[in-house]
Amino acid sequence: MTMPRDLFLLRHGESEGNLALRAMRNGDDSLLTHPEFSRQHSSRWRLTARGREQAGKAGAWLNENATSDFDRLYTSEYARAVETAGELQLEQTAEKRCWRISPYLRERNWGDIDRATEAERASVYQRNLLDQDITPYYWRPPNGESLVEVSARLHLWINTLQRDQAERVIAVAHGEVIDTIRIELERMNEHDFMAMQNGRSGHVGNCSLIHYTRSEPGGQTELERYGWRRQIDPTGARVEVGEFEEIERQQYNSDQLLRLVQKSPNFF
């Protein structure tokens, strides 16, 4: 079984949660602590007006460039992702191009610190948050999910794609979920993930896309697994379409393994 020939991963548009959390990081808790908003589970967060505009731009680019033969369309069941999928207004002239809602694509569970203010996080969960700085790959929010645990459930969704044997697929999901799909598809370890996070391809903005393909761009080669990846940001005044980059999956001999472990200090 092989993956779809082309897979597009789209992050949802700017949500009310993105807006509230950004304000919190800038010292303003008023949106996050709004009496009605604070009682909503984060799965209910809607798009902002800017988020709907972003989704419209992403949909316009997809309709012009990428939808001629989508045969599977997936979205997370969280409101901001579902709204983004609807706002894309992709052509749906055939039954096979109706959207499927997948619980596997839901946002990472942030547990007890979901909707917590910066002050609450610092005072109650200070010790736990130290691990987030040390190893975000393995760190788990209190009663939440680590990225490794998110990866386990996303593996089930990836298996679904392989069984479906679709050729071109789009999925609307969340930033960290897309990061985790990348971990799975590119077989990243912790060090690969950290390098990605610190590199130019590490941030996926609202309504930006990552496009994976098994077909060599401009060539005749088709692989059994994804060989190339590019990023696309259709939300600005000018659409930014990145060049395809070849995916390199690491393999290690004994000496390379020993060099890799030297990144961790040896105390005793």
Protein backbone atom coordinates (compact mmCIF):
# COMPACT_ATOMS: atom_id res chain seq x y z
CA MET A 1 0.00 0.00 0.00
CA THR A 2 1.31 3.46 -0.88
CA MET A 3 0.43 6.98 0.23
CA PRO A 4 -1.49 9.36 -2.06
CA ARG A 5 0.61 10.70 -4.92
CA ASP A 6 0.06 14.24 -3.60
CA LEU A 7 -0.85 15.28 -0.07
CA PHE A 8 -1.68 18.86 0.90
CA LEU A 9 -1.66 19.76 4.61
CA LEU A 10 -3.39 23.07 5.39
CA ARG A 11 -3.34 24.77 8.78
CA HIS A 12 -6.65 26.40 9.78
CA GLY A 13 -7.07 30.17 9.54
CA GLU A 14 -6.50 32.57 12.43
CA SER A 15 -8.82 31.56 15.27
CA GLU A 16 -10.21 33.39 18.27
CA GLY A 17 -7.83 31.27 20.33
CA ASN A 18 -4.81 32.39 18.25
CA LEU A 19 -5.86 35.99 18.86
CA ALA A 20 -6.42 35.51 22.61
CA LEU A 21 -3.17 33.59 23.16
CA ARG A 22 -1.15 36.13 21.17
CA ALA A 23 -2.60 38.94 23.29
CA MET A 24 -1.78 36.96 26.45
CA ARG A 25 1.85 36.60 25.42
CA ASN A 26 1.92 40.37 24.96
CA GLY A 27 0.65 40.88 28.52
CA ASP A 28 -3.10 41.20 27.88
CA ASP A 29 -5.24 38.41 29.42
CA SER A 30 -8.57 40.13 28.78
CA LEU A 31 -9.53 38.07 25.72
CA LEU A 32 -8.57 34.73 27.26
CA THR A 33 -10.44 35.51 30.50
CA HIS A 34 -13.54 36.92 28.79
CA PRO A 35 -16.41 35.41 30.86
CA GLU A 36 -18.13 33.62 27.97
CA PHE A 37 -15.05 32.81 25.89
CA SER A 38 -13.19 31.28 28.85
CA ARG A 39 -16.03 28.79 29.44
CA GLN A 40 -15.78 27.43 25.90
CA HIS A 41 -13.67 24.33 25.29
CA SER A 42 -10.90 25.18 22.84
CA SER A 43 -12.46 22.80 20.29
CA ARG A 44 -15.26 25.38 19.92
CA TRP A 45 -13.02 28.31 18.98
CA ARG A 46 -14.14 29.90 15.70
CA LEU A 47 -12.20 31.80 13.06
CA THR A 48 -11.70 35.55 13.29
CA ALA A 49 -12.61 37.81 10.36
CA ARG A 50 -8.95 37.67 9.38
CA GLY A 51 -9.04 33.87 9.56
CA ARG A 52 -12.01 33.73 7.19
CA GLU A 53 -10.18 36.04 4.80
CA GLN A 54 -7.10 33.79 4.94
CA ALA A 55 -9.23 30.73 4.19
CA GLY A 56 -10.78 32.51 1.22
CA LYS A 57 -7.33 33.27 -0.21
CA ALA A 58 -6.16 29.70 0.36
CA GLY A 59 -9.31 28.39 -1.34
CA ALA A 60 -8.78 30.69 -4.32
CA TRP A 61 -5.23 29.40 -4.78
CA LEU A 62 -6.31 25.77 -4.41
CA ASN A 63 -9.21 26.15 -6.83
CA GLU A 64 -6.88 27.65 -9.40
CA ASN A 65 -3.88 25.39 -8.89
CA ALA A 66 -4.61 22.16 -7.09
CA THR A 67 -8.18 20.87 -7.04
CA SER A 68 -8.60 19.39 -10.49
CA ASP A 69 -8.46 15.86 -9.14
CA PHE A 70 -8.68 15.90 -5.32
CA ASP A 71 -10.39 12.65 -4.44
CA ARG A 72 -10.21 12.83 -0.64
CA LEU A 73 -10.83 15.86 1.58
CA TYR A 74 -10.30 15.57 5.35
CA THR A 75 -10.67 18.02 8.21
CA SER A 76 -10.16 18.01 11.97
CA GLU A 77 -13.45 18.07 13.86
CA TYR A 78 -12.49 21.24 15.78
CA ALA A 79 -14.65 24.24 14.82
CA ARG A 80 -11.79 26.38 13.50
CA ALA A 81 -10.71 23.62 11.12
CA VAL A 82 -14.25 22.79 9.99
CA GLU A 83 -14.93 26.48 9.34
CA THR A 84 -11.70 26.79 7.37
CA ALA A 85 -12.62 23.78 5.24
CA GLY A 86 -16.02 25.33 4.46
CA GLU A 87 -14.55 28.75 3.70
CA LEU A 88 -12.15 27.22 1.16
CA GLN A 89 -15.18 26.72 -1.12
CA LEU A 90 -13.48 23.92 -3.01
CA GLU A 91 -15.44 22.65 -5.97
CA GLN A 92 -17.56 19.68 -4.93
CA THR A 93 -19.12 18.43 -8.12
CA ALA A 94 -18.70 14.75 -7.31
CA GLU A 95 -19.58 12.67 -4.27
CA LYS A 96 -15.98 11.56 -3.80
CA ARG A 97 -14.99 15.15 -3.10
CA CYS A 98 -17.18 15.68 -0.04
CA TRP A 99 -15.36 16.45 3.22
CA ARG A 100 -14.69 13.75 5.79
CA ILE A 101 -14.30 14.79 9.44
CA SER A 102 -11.52 12.87 11.19
CA PRO A 103 -11.07 12.81 14.99
CA TYR A 104 -7.44 11.73 14.44
CA LEU A 105 -6.67 15.21 13.05
CA ARG A 106 -7.89 17.04 16.17
CA GLU A 107 -5.61 19.54 17.93
CA ARG A 108 -3.02 18.36 20.43
CA ASN A 109 -4.55 18.07 23.93
CA TRP A 110 -2.98 20.76 26.12
CA GLY A 111 -4.54 19.31 29.26
CA ASP A 112 -4.63 21.46 32.39
CA ILE A 113 -2.89 24.44 30.81
CA ASP A 114 -5.37 24.77 27.96
CA ARG A 115 -6.89 28.27 28.35
CA ALA A 116 -4.65 28.99 31.38
CA THR A 117 -3.16 32.48 31.57
CA GLU A 118 0.58 33.10 31.49
CA ALA A 119 0.53 33.86 35.23
CA GLU A 120 -1.33 30.62 36.00
CA ARG A 121 1.11 28.60 33.93
CA ALA A 122 4.12 30.18 35.63
CA SER A 123 2.80 29.79 39.18
CA VAL A 124 1.15 26.35 39.06
CA TYR A 125 3.03 24.49 36.32
CA GLN A 126 6.50 26.01 36.47
CA ARG A 127 8.32 22.70 37.01
CA ASN A 128 6.45 20.96 34.20
CA LEU A 129 7.12 23.81 31.77
CA LEU A 130 10.87 23.50 32.28
CA ASP A 131 10.72 20.24 30.32
CA GLN A 132 9.00 22.03 27.44
CA ASP A 133 12.17 24.09 26.93
CA ILE A 134 14.46 21.08 27.32
CA THR A 135 12.68 18.64 25.01
CA PRO A 136 9.47 19.87 23.33
CA TYR A 137 9.39 16.62 21.34
CA TYR A 138 8.73 14.48 24.44
CA TRP A 139 7.23 17.10 26.78
CA ARG A 140 3.66 16.44 27.89
CA PRO A 141 1.40 19.20 29.23
CA PRO A 142 -0.19 18.16 32.56
CA ASN A 143 -2.96 15.67 31.63
CA GLY A 144 -2.34 16.43 27.97
CA GLU A 145 -0.49 14.87 25.03
CA SER A 146 3.16 14.84 24.04
CA LEU A 147 3.93 15.14 20.33
CA VAL A 148 5.01 11.50 20.40
CA GLU A 149 1.54 10.55 21.65
CA VAL A 150 -0.09 12.70 18.97
CA SER A 151 2.08 10.84 16.46
CA ALA A 152 0.62 7.51 17.59
CA ARG A 153 -2.96 8.49 16.76
CA LEU A 154 -1.97 10.20 13.51
CA HIS A 155 -0.36 6.96 12.42
CA LEU A 156 -3.90 5.52 12.30
CA TRP A 157 -4.98 8.31 9.93
CA ILE A 158 -1.94 7.72 7.74
CA ASN A 159 -2.88 4.03 7.58
CA THR A 160 -6.34 5.10 6.39
CA LEU A 161 -4.78 7.08 3.54
CA GLN A 162 -2.80 4.03 2.51
CA ARG A 163 -5.88 1.79 2.54
CA ASP A 164 -7.98 4.32 0.58
CA GLN A 165 -5.47 4.40 -2.30
CA ALA A 166 -6.49 7.98 -3.15
CA GLU A 167 -4.27 9.89 -5.56
CA ARG A 168 -4.59 13.48 -4.31
CA VAL A 169 -5.64 14.39 -0.77
CA ILE A 170 -6.07 17.60 1.24
CA ALA A 171 -6.32 17.73 5.04
CA VAL A 172 -7.18 20.77 7.18
CA ALA A 173 -5.60 20.47 10.62
CA HIS A 174 -3.60 22.34 13.28
CA GLY A 175 -0.04 23.60 13.49
CA GLU A 176 1.35 20.99 15.87
CA VAL A 177 -0.65 18.23 14.23
CA ILE A 178 0.95 19.13 10.90
CA ASP A 179 4.36 19.14 12.62
CA THR A 180 3.63 15.65 13.87
CA ILE A 181 2.49 14.37 10.46
CA ARG A 182 5.82 15.66 9.17
CA ILE A 183 7.61 13.67 11.89
CA GLU A 184 5.83 10.53 10.69
CA LEU A 185 6.21 11.07 6.94
CA GLU A 186 9.85 12.11 7.11
CA ARG A 187 10.81 9.66 9.89
CA MET A 188 12.28 12.36 12.11
CA ASN A 189 13.92 11.71 15.43
CA GLU A 190 14.13 14.30 18.21
CA HIS A 191 17.19 16.00 16.73
CA ASP A 192 15.64 16.17 13.25
CA PHE A 193 12.50 17.70 14.75
CA MET A 194 14.46 20.35 16.67
CA ALA A 195 16.41 21.23 13.52
CA MET A 196 13.13 21.62 11.63
CA GLN A 197 11.68 23.84 14.35
CA ASN A 198 14.74 26.08 14.27
CA GLY A 199 14.92 26.21 10.47
CA ARG A 200 13.12 28.16 7.80
CA SER A 201 10.59 25.37 7.22
CA GLY A 202 9.70 25.04 10.89
CA HIS A 203 6.73 27.42 11.10
CA VAL A 204 3.45 26.76 9.32
CA GLY A 205 1.35 29.93 9.42
CA ASN A 206 -2.42 30.14 9.43
CA CYS A 207 -3.80 28.84 6.11
CA SER A 208 -0.33 27.96 4.83
CA LEU A 209 0.13 24.64 3.05
CA ILE A 210 2.69 21.88 2.97
CA HIS A 211 2.59 19.85 -0.23
CA TYR A 212 4.12 16.35 -0.30
CA THR A 213 4.54 14.45 -3.54
CA ARG A 214 5.82 11.08 -4.70
CA SER A 215 6.32 12.39 -8.26
CA GLU A 216 9.61 14.03 -9.14
CA PRO A 217 8.90 17.72 -9.95
CA GLY A 218 9.46 18.19 -13.66
CA GLY A 219 10.65 14.61 -14.09
CA GLN A 220 9.41 11.10 -14.75
CA THR A 221 10.30 9.38 -11.47
CA GLU A 222 7.54 8.28 -9.09
CA LEU A 223 8.49 6.85 -5.70
CA GLU A 224 6.62 4.59 -3.28
CA ARG A 225 7.04 7.17 -0.51
CA TYR A 226 7.21 10.95 -0.47
CA GLY A 227 10.41 12.25 -2.00
CA TRP A 228 9.72 15.99 -2.20
CA ARG A 229 8.08 18.73 -0.15
CA ARG A 230 7.27 22.41 -0.62
CA GLN A 231 5.53 25.14 1.39
CA ILE A 232 2.94 27.57 0.05
CA ASP A 233 1.60 30.72 1.72
CA PRO A 234 -1.37 32.10 -0.23
CA THR A 235 -2.50 34.54 2.49
CA GLY A 236 -0.35 37.63 1.80
CA ALA A 237 -0.58 40.33 -0.83
CA ARG A 238 1.59 38.05 -2.97
CA VAL A 239 1.30 34.27 -2.98
CA GLU A 240 4.55 32.64 -1.86
CA VAL A 241 5.17 29.26 -3.48
CA GLY A 242 8.34 27.58 -2.30
CA GLU A 243 10.57 25.36 -4.36
CA PHE A 244 10.31 21.61 -3.93
CA GLU A 245 12.93 20.25 -1.55
CA GLU A 246 14.07 16.65 -1.61
CA ILE A 247 13.31 14.76 1.60
CA GLU A 248 16.27 13.08 3.26
CA ARG A 249 15.47 10.36 5.78
CA GLN A 250 18.29 9.69 8.21
CA GLN A 251 19.88 6.28 8.67
CA TYR A 252 22.75 5.68 11.07
CA ASN A 253 25.74 3.42 11.37
CA SER A 254 27.27 2.64 14.77
CA ASP A 255 29.69 5.58 14.75
CA GLN A 256 26.93 8.00 13.76
CA LEU A 257 24.74 6.73 16.61
CA LEU A 258 27.56 7.34 19.09
CA ARG A 259 28.12 10.86 17.73
CA LEU A 260 24.40 11.53 17.97
CA VAL A 261 24.23 10.58 21.65
CA GLN A 262 27.06 13.03 22.40
CA LYS A 263 24.45 15.80 22.09
CA SER A 264 23.32 14.73 25.60
CA PRO A 265 25.75 15.37 28.49
CA ASN A 266 27.25 12.46 30.41
CA PHE A 267 27.21 13.29 34.16
CA PHE A 268 28.30 10.11 35.98
